[in-house]
Amino acid sequence: MNDKYKLLLILIFTSIMSLLLTEVVRYISIKIGAVDEPNERRVNTKPTATAGGLSIYISFFISTLLLLPINKEIIIPIFLSSTIVVFTGFIDDIRDISAKMKMGGILAGGLIIYFIGDLKMSMVALPFIGEIQLGVWSLPITLLWIAAITNSINLIDGLDGLATGVSTISLFTIGIMAFFFLNADNITIASIIIVLAFACIGFLPANYYPAKIYLGDTGSLFLGFMLSILSLYGLKHVTFLSLIVPLVILALPIGDTLYAIIRRILNNQRISTADNQHIHHRIMALGFTHKQTVKLLYAITLTFSIIALLYPVSTTLGSILLTIGLIIILQLSAELLGLLGSNNRPLISIFKKILKAINKPGDINK
């Protein structure tokens, strides 16, 4: 059988297996008490089973370990490291654990993928500067990348189907980049990425509003960790292009996390303090329904993904200008939504001063 047809059958099998396992995981979650109770920060109005990410995790690794004809030297470190992350999230879904313990699980997984999987950032190539060898900074920068992206997916998991859908769109985009824009060595990684995307598709019907089951930390940490390391496979020798593309694809969850950190610092709060000021909360506060908010954020993620596909065909100067434009749009959007708080709008203030100066040239200092 043609390899393309084999892959297609594996993808269909993975999706169906994830769909069927979701009901099994839902039953088990309820039995063991892995349930999200309604509270002031949650949108669910009744107890809902969590730890749904187990169905994605199990179906994904059954397909990759047993069915996908890939080098086990690649998939085994991914399996070992992500299993620690999944176990950490699963424990948190059953009984809440501290943010430090969750971070410990993420970093433990990162250490395994760094040393056993030999997956690391060792060099950065920046335009107009050249190559920068990271040396002893390779480990902390690699772990920072993994922790940042993992937590960004975890934090955006606040509405039914949101984190699953955003991860699915992001995975497909990274997979497309690997297939068409990167070298032949990335075909294996691209296959792994697409299989994971189809595992998410099988889970999404039960996770979409009104959700029968949530990803839980089991799923959000797993998907975030997988997105971080799968994108990292193209970053062993980091160029400006390979560094910026995953950041653009994941601009929504990364931006939401970054603004949450800044917001809490400005409010003299601990970074780990939970609140209801994330991007999905702010959009719903404008009057959007649950479904409308999720669909809008899907559309925003898809837009960022399409923009990311422009980078490989753009010049270096074009990529830099495109990145600056995206940063300005992100900052302006964050200020308009109040992600930094109603009184923290520096870019809007600058625009107002510029417009005032243009309209009244003689009053620049007023």
Protein backbone atom coordinates (compact mmCIF):
# COMPACT_ATOMS: atom_id res chain seq x y z
CA MET A 1 0.00 0.00 0.00
CA ASN A 2 1.18 3.52 -0.82
CA ASP A 3 2.76 5.31 2.19
CA LYS A 4 0.34 8.22 1.80
CA TYR A 5 -2.66 5.90 2.09
CA LYS A 6 -1.10 4.17 5.10
CA LEU A 7 -0.68 7.52 6.82
CA LEU A 8 -4.27 8.47 5.97
CA LEU A 9 -5.56 5.24 7.51
CA ILE A 10 -3.46 5.83 10.63
CA LEU A 11 -4.87 9.34 10.94
CA ILE A 12 -8.47 8.13 10.62
CA PHE A 13 -7.80 5.31 13.10
CA THR A 14 -6.23 7.76 15.57
CA SER A 15 -9.19 10.11 15.40
CA ILE A 16 -11.77 7.33 15.86
CA MET A 17 -9.77 5.81 18.72
CA SER A 18 -9.58 9.19 20.45
CA LEU A 19 -13.34 9.66 19.99
CA LEU A 20 -14.13 6.26 21.56
CA LEU A 21 -11.58 6.59 24.35
CA THR A 22 -13.06 9.93 25.34
CA GLU A 23 -16.22 8.24 26.63
CA VAL A 24 -14.14 5.71 28.57
CA VAL A 25 -11.99 8.47 30.10
CA ARG A 26 -15.12 10.47 30.95
CA TYR A 27 -16.56 7.51 32.86
CA ILE A 28 -13.29 6.90 34.72
CA SER A 29 -12.85 10.62 35.52
CA ILE A 30 -16.24 10.76 37.21
CA LYS A 31 -15.53 7.57 39.17
CA ILE A 32 -12.18 8.79 40.54
CA GLY A 33 -13.35 12.35 41.24
CA ALA A 34 -11.52 14.12 38.42
CA VAL A 35 -14.36 16.63 38.07
CA ASP A 36 -14.44 20.41 37.69
CA GLU A 37 -16.94 21.99 40.06
CA PRO A 38 -18.59 25.32 39.10
CA ASN A 39 -17.10 28.45 40.71
CA GLU A 40 -16.71 32.17 40.03
CA ARG A 41 -13.81 31.64 37.61
CA ARG A 42 -15.30 28.75 35.61
CA VAL A 43 -17.94 28.92 32.91
CA ASN A 44 -19.48 25.50 33.60
CA THR A 45 -22.75 25.52 35.55
CA LYS A 46 -22.61 21.85 36.56
CA PRO A 47 -19.86 19.39 37.57
CA THR A 48 -17.97 18.29 34.45
CA ALA A 49 -15.51 15.43 34.00
CA THR A 50 -11.94 16.45 33.37
CA ALA A 51 -8.62 14.70 32.54
CA GLY A 52 -9.97 14.27 29.00
CA GLY A 53 -6.47 14.77 27.64
CA LEU A 54 -5.81 11.11 28.47
CA SER A 55 -7.77 10.06 25.39
CA ILE A 56 -5.56 12.26 23.19
CA TYR A 57 -2.40 11.01 24.89
CA ILE A 58 -3.30 7.30 24.64
CA SER A 59 -4.57 7.37 21.04
CA PHE A 60 -1.58 9.43 19.92
CA PHE A 61 1.04 7.12 21.38
CA ILE A 62 -0.70 3.92 20.28
CA SER A 63 -0.53 5.24 16.72
CA THR A 64 3.02 6.58 16.86
CA LEU A 65 4.61 3.74 18.84
CA LEU A 66 2.82 0.82 17.17
CA LEU A 67 1.59 1.96 13.75
CA LEU A 68 3.70 4.83 12.46
CA PRO A 69 6.90 3.57 10.78
CA ILE A 70 9.29 6.01 12.45
CA ASN A 71 12.62 5.86 14.21
CA LYS A 72 11.95 4.83 17.81
CA GLU A 73 14.97 6.91 18.88
CA ILE A 74 12.82 9.96 18.17
CA ILE A 75 9.49 8.89 19.65
CA ILE A 76 10.72 7.14 22.82
CA PRO A 77 12.19 10.32 24.43
CA ILE A 78 8.99 12.16 23.47
CA PHE A 79 6.94 9.41 25.10
CA LEU A 80 9.01 9.36 28.30
CA SER A 81 9.10 13.13 28.76
CA SER A 82 5.44 13.77 27.93
CA THR A 83 4.33 10.90 30.19
CA ILE A 84 5.83 12.73 33.18
CA VAL A 85 3.96 15.89 32.14
CA VAL A 86 0.68 13.98 31.68
CA PHE A 87 1.09 12.30 35.06
CA THR A 88 1.66 15.71 36.67
CA GLY A 89 -1.49 17.09 35.08
CA PHE A 90 -3.51 14.01 35.99
CA ILE A 91 -2.56 14.32 39.66
CA ASP A 92 -3.61 17.98 39.56
CA ASP A 93 -6.98 17.03 38.04
CA ILE A 94 -7.64 14.59 40.87
CA ARG A 95 -6.33 16.79 43.67
CA ASP A 96 -5.02 20.31 43.19
CA ILE A 97 -1.25 20.59 43.42
CA SER A 98 0.84 23.73 43.70
CA ALA A 99 2.09 25.72 40.72
CA LYS A 100 5.65 24.82 41.77
CA MET A 101 4.88 21.10 41.58
CA LYS A 102 3.32 21.50 38.13
CA MET A 103 6.33 23.46 36.96
CA GLY A 104 8.55 20.74 38.41
CA GLY A 105 6.80 18.14 36.26
CA ILE A 106 7.17 20.29 33.13
CA LEU A 107 10.88 20.89 33.78
CA ALA A 108 11.46 17.18 34.50
CA GLY A 109 9.96 16.38 31.10
CA GLY A 110 12.11 19.10 29.57
CA LEU A 111 15.29 17.63 31.08
CA ILE A 112 14.48 14.21 29.64
CA ILE A 113 13.88 15.56 26.14
CA TYR A 114 17.05 17.68 26.43
CA PHE A 115 19.46 14.99 27.59
CA ILE A 116 17.91 11.73 26.31
CA GLY A 117 16.21 13.15 23.22
CA ASP A 118 19.17 15.48 22.54
CA LEU A 119 16.65 18.21 21.71
CA LYS A 120 18.13 21.58 22.52
CA MET A 121 18.72 25.13 21.37
CA SER A 122 22.45 25.38 20.88
CA MET A 123 22.84 28.36 18.55
CA VAL A 124 20.88 31.41 17.46
CA ALA A 125 21.37 33.11 14.07
CA LEU A 126 20.00 36.66 14.01
CA PRO A 127 19.76 38.97 10.99
CA PHE A 128 22.56 41.58 10.71
CA ILE A 129 24.26 40.00 13.76
CA GLY A 130 25.15 36.46 12.74
CA GLU A 131 25.47 33.26 14.76
CA ILE A 132 25.45 33.30 18.55
CA GLN A 133 26.53 30.11 20.31
CA LEU A 134 24.42 29.63 23.44
CA GLY A 135 26.94 27.44 25.27
CA VAL A 136 25.98 27.05 28.94
CA TRP A 137 22.77 29.00 28.24
CA SER A 138 21.49 26.22 25.99
CA LEU A 139 19.81 24.30 28.83
CA PRO A 140 18.03 27.21 30.59
CA ILE A 141 16.85 28.74 27.28
CA THR A 142 15.54 25.38 26.06
CA LEU A 143 13.70 24.80 29.35
CA LEU A 144 12.32 28.36 29.25
CA TRP A 145 10.93 27.74 25.75
CA ILE A 146 9.28 24.48 26.87
CA ALA A 147 7.85 25.94 30.09
CA ALA A 148 6.55 29.11 28.43
CA ILE A 149 4.64 27.39 25.63
CA THR A 150 3.35 24.61 27.89
CA ASN A 151 1.94 27.09 30.38
CA SER A 152 0.46 29.30 27.65
CA ILE A 153 -1.77 26.46 26.45
CA ASN A 154 -2.63 25.60 30.05
CA LEU A 155 -3.73 29.17 30.78
CA ILE A 156 -5.86 29.59 27.67
CA ASP A 157 -7.87 26.47 28.51
CA GLY A 158 -10.77 28.47 29.92
CA LEU A 159 -13.67 27.83 27.52
CA ASP A 160 -15.15 24.63 26.10
CA GLY A 161 -13.06 23.47 23.15
CA LEU A 162 -10.79 26.53 23.14
CA ALA A 163 -7.39 25.01 23.98
CA THR A 164 -8.14 21.87 21.94
CA GLY A 165 -9.15 23.85 18.85
CA VAL A 166 -6.28 26.35 19.11
CA SER A 167 -3.80 23.47 19.55
CA THR A 168 -5.27 21.60 16.57
CA ILE A 169 -4.97 24.63 14.26
CA SER A 170 -1.43 25.29 15.51
CA LEU A 171 -0.40 21.65 15.04
CA PHE A 172 -1.70 21.55 11.47
CA THR A 173 0.19 24.76 10.66
CA ILE A 174 3.47 23.50 12.16
CA GLY A 175 2.93 20.21 10.32
CA ILE A 176 2.42 22.02 7.00
CA MET A 177 5.58 24.04 7.61
CA ALA A 178 7.53 20.84 8.26
CA PHE A 179 6.18 19.11 5.14
CA PHE A 180 6.65 21.92 2.65
CA PHE A 181 9.19 24.41 3.94
CA LEU A 182 11.71 22.45 6.00
CA ASN A 183 14.18 19.75 4.99
CA ALA A 184 13.46 16.06 4.45
CA ASP A 185 14.58 15.15 7.98
CA ASN A 186 11.46 16.85 9.29
CA ILE A 187 9.02 14.56 7.44
CA THR A 188 9.03 12.19 10.43
CA ILE A 189 8.31 15.06 12.81
CA ALA A 190 5.59 16.33 10.48
CA SER A 191 3.91 12.91 10.53
CA ILE A 192 4.00 12.88 14.35
CA ILE A 193 2.52 16.38 14.46
CA ILE A 194 -0.36 15.53 12.11
CA VAL A 195 -1.17 12.34 14.06
CA LEU A 196 -1.42 14.42 17.25
CA ALA A 197 -3.71 16.89 15.46
CA PHE A 198 -6.06 14.06 14.47
CA ALA A 199 -6.06 12.75 18.05
CA CYS A 200 -7.27 16.24 19.06
CA ILE A 201 -9.97 16.15 16.36
CA GLY A 202 -11.35 12.93 17.81
CA PHE A 203 -11.59 14.53 21.25
CA LEU A 204 -13.05 17.88 20.13
CA PRO A 205 -16.73 16.82 19.65
CA ALA A 206 -17.05 15.92 23.34
CA ASN A 207 -15.01 18.96 24.41
CA TYR A 208 -16.85 21.57 22.31
CA TYR A 209 -19.60 23.67 23.90
CA PRO A 210 -21.47 22.42 25.84
CA ALA A 211 -18.56 20.20 26.88
CA LYS A 212 -19.14 16.71 28.23
CA ILE A 213 -15.52 16.53 29.33
CA TYR A 214 -12.62 18.96 29.71
CA LEU A 215 -9.00 18.57 28.71
CA GLY A 216 -8.01 19.19 32.30
CA ASP A 217 -4.40 19.90 33.18
CA THR A 218 -3.77 16.38 31.92
CA GLY A 219 -4.57 17.50 28.39
CA SER A 220 -3.60 21.16 28.38
CA LEU A 221 -0.13 20.47 29.81
CA PHE A 222 0.33 17.56 27.38
CA LEU A 223 -0.68 19.59 24.32
CA GLY A 224 1.40 22.58 25.42
CA PHE A 225 4.42 20.39 26.08
CA MET A 226 4.06 18.62 22.73
CA LEU A 227 3.70 21.92 20.86
CA SER A 228 6.84 23.22 22.57
CA ILE A 229 9.04 20.22 21.76
CA LEU A 230 7.66 19.52 18.28
CA SER A 231 8.30 23.13 17.28
CA LEU A 232 11.69 22.83 18.97
CA TYR A 233 12.76 20.08 16.55
CA GLY A 234 13.12 22.81 13.94
CA LEU A 235 15.07 25.02 16.34
CA LYS A 236 18.16 22.96 17.11
CA HIS A 237 20.11 25.64 15.26
CA VAL A 238 17.85 28.62 15.64
CA THR A 239 17.53 31.17 12.85
CA PHE A 240 15.34 34.25 13.05
CA LEU A 241 12.83 32.50 10.77
CA SER A 242 12.64 29.22 12.70
CA LEU A 243 12.41 31.12 16.00
CA ILE A 244 9.69 33.57 15.01
CA VAL A 245 7.35 31.22 13.09
CA PRO A 246 6.23 29.09 16.09
CA LEU A 247 5.82 32.27 18.13
CA VAL A 248 3.52 33.74 15.48
CA ILE A 249 1.50 30.52 15.18
CA LEU A 250 1.06 30.45 18.96
CA ALA A 251 0.71 34.23 19.31
CA LEU A 252 -2.74 33.97 20.91
CA PRO A 253 -1.87 31.72 23.90
CA ILE A 254 1.64 33.18 24.30
CA GLY A 255 0.34 36.75 24.15
CA ASP A 256 -2.45 36.01 26.63
CA THR A 257 0.08 34.50 29.05
CA LEU A 258 2.54 37.37 28.65
CA TYR A 259 -0.13 39.99 29.30
CA ALA A 260 -1.41 38.03 32.31
CA ILE A 261 2.09 38.12 33.82
CA ILE A 262 2.49 41.85 33.14
CA ARG A 263 -1.01 42.57 34.48
CA ARG A 264 -0.31 40.76 37.74
CA ILE A 265 3.05 42.50 38.18
CA LEU A 266 1.41 45.91 37.63
CA ASN A 267 -1.25 44.97 40.19
CA ASN A 268 1.40 43.81 42.69
CA GLN A 269 0.10 40.24 42.53
CA ARG A 270 1.95 36.95 42.37
CA ILE A 271 2.48 35.74 38.81
CA SER A 272 0.68 32.46 39.65
CA THR A 273 -2.42 34.32 40.93
CA ALA A 274 -5.53 33.22 39.04
CA ASP A 275 -7.95 35.81 37.64
CA ASN A 276 -10.78 36.19 35.15
CA GLN A 277 -9.10 38.80 32.94
CA HIS A 278 -7.77 36.50 30.20
CA ILE A 279 -8.56 37.26 26.58
CA HIS A 280 -11.60 34.95 26.47
CA HIS A 281 -13.01 36.57 29.61
CA ARG A 282 -12.56 40.06 28.14
CA ILE A 283 -14.20 39.13 24.83
CA MET A 284 -17.19 37.60 26.61
CA ALA A 285 -17.45 40.77 28.71
CA LEU A 286 -18.05 42.63 25.44
CA GLY A 287 -21.26 40.64 24.97
CA PHE A 288 -20.06 37.68 22.88
CA THR A 289 -21.57 34.30 23.70
CA HIS A 290 -19.49 31.28 24.71
CA LYS A 291 -19.62 29.78 21.19
CA GLN A 292 -18.99 33.12 19.47
CA THR A 293 -15.93 33.77 21.63
CA VAL A 294 -14.44 30.35 20.88
CA LYS A 295 -15.09 30.72 17.13
CA LEU A 296 -13.56 34.21 17.14
CA LEU A 297 -10.42 32.93 18.87
CA TYR A 298 -10.24 30.03 16.40
CA ALA A 299 -10.38 32.61 13.59
CA ILE A 300 -7.64 34.71 15.21
CA THR A 301 -5.42 31.62 15.59
CA LEU A 302 -6.05 30.68 11.96
CA THR A 303 -5.16 34.23 10.88
CA PHE A 304 -1.87 34.10 12.78
CA SER A 305 -1.18 30.68 11.24
CA ILE A 306 -1.72 32.02 7.70
CA ILE A 307 0.58 34.96 8.47
CA ALA A 308 3.22 32.51 9.76
CA LEU A 309 3.15 30.73 6.39
CA LEU A 310 4.27 34.01 4.75
CA TYR A 311 7.61 34.07 6.57
CA PRO A 312 9.40 31.36 4.52
CA VAL A 313 8.61 33.21 1.28
CA SER A 314 9.45 36.65 2.64
CA THR A 315 12.78 38.51 2.63
CA THR A 316 14.63 39.12 5.89
CA LEU A 317 13.59 42.77 5.89
CA GLY A 318 10.02 41.77 5.07
CA SER A 319 9.99 39.29 7.97
CA ILE A 320 11.27 41.96 10.37
CA LEU A 321 8.67 44.51 9.25
CA LEU A 322 5.94 41.86 9.42
CA THR A 323 7.00 40.99 12.98
CA ILE A 324 7.01 44.64 14.08
CA GLY A 325 3.53 45.09 12.59
CA LEU A 326 2.22 42.02 14.44
CA ILE A 327 3.67 43.23 17.76
CA ILE A 328 1.95 46.61 17.34
CA ILE A 329 -1.38 44.93 16.47
CA LEU A 330 -1.08 42.57 19.47
CA GLN A 331 -0.28 45.41 21.86
CA LEU A 332 -3.08 47.62 20.53
CA SER A 333 -5.59 44.75 20.74
CA ALA A 334 -4.50 43.93 24.29
CA GLU A 335 -4.95 47.54 25.39
CA LEU A 336 -8.37 47.85 23.73
CA LEU A 337 -9.52 44.64 25.48
CA GLY A 338 -8.08 45.78 28.79
CA LEU A 339 -5.71 42.82 29.20
CA LEU A 340 -3.27 45.08 31.06
CA GLY A 341 -6.03 46.75 33.06
CA SER A 342 -8.20 49.72 32.21
CA ASN A 343 -5.53 52.26 33.25
CA ASN A 344 -2.53 50.72 31.47
CA ARG A 345 -2.69 51.67 27.78
CA PRO A 346 0.78 53.01 26.83
CA LEU A 347 0.51 52.52 23.05
CA ILE A 348 -2.91 54.17 22.87
CA SER A 349 -1.52 57.06 24.93
CA ILE A 350 1.37 57.46 22.48
CA PHE A 351 -1.02 57.45 19.52
CA LYS A 352 -3.16 60.10 21.23
CA LYS A 353 -0.12 62.33 21.80
CA ILE A 354 0.99 61.92 18.19
CA LEU A 355 -2.48 62.79 16.88
CA LYS A 356 -2.63 65.76 19.24
CA ALA A 357 0.77 66.97 18.01
CA ILE A 358 -0.30 66.58 14.39
CA ASN A 359 -3.55 68.46 14.93
CA LYS A 360 -1.91 71.22 17.03
CA PRO A 361 1.77 71.56 16.01
CA GLY A 362 2.27 74.48 18.37
CA ASP A 363 1.04 72.54 21.40
CA ILE A 364 3.41 69.55 21.32
CA ASN A 365 4.52 70.06 24.90
CA LYS A 366 1.01 70.47 26.30
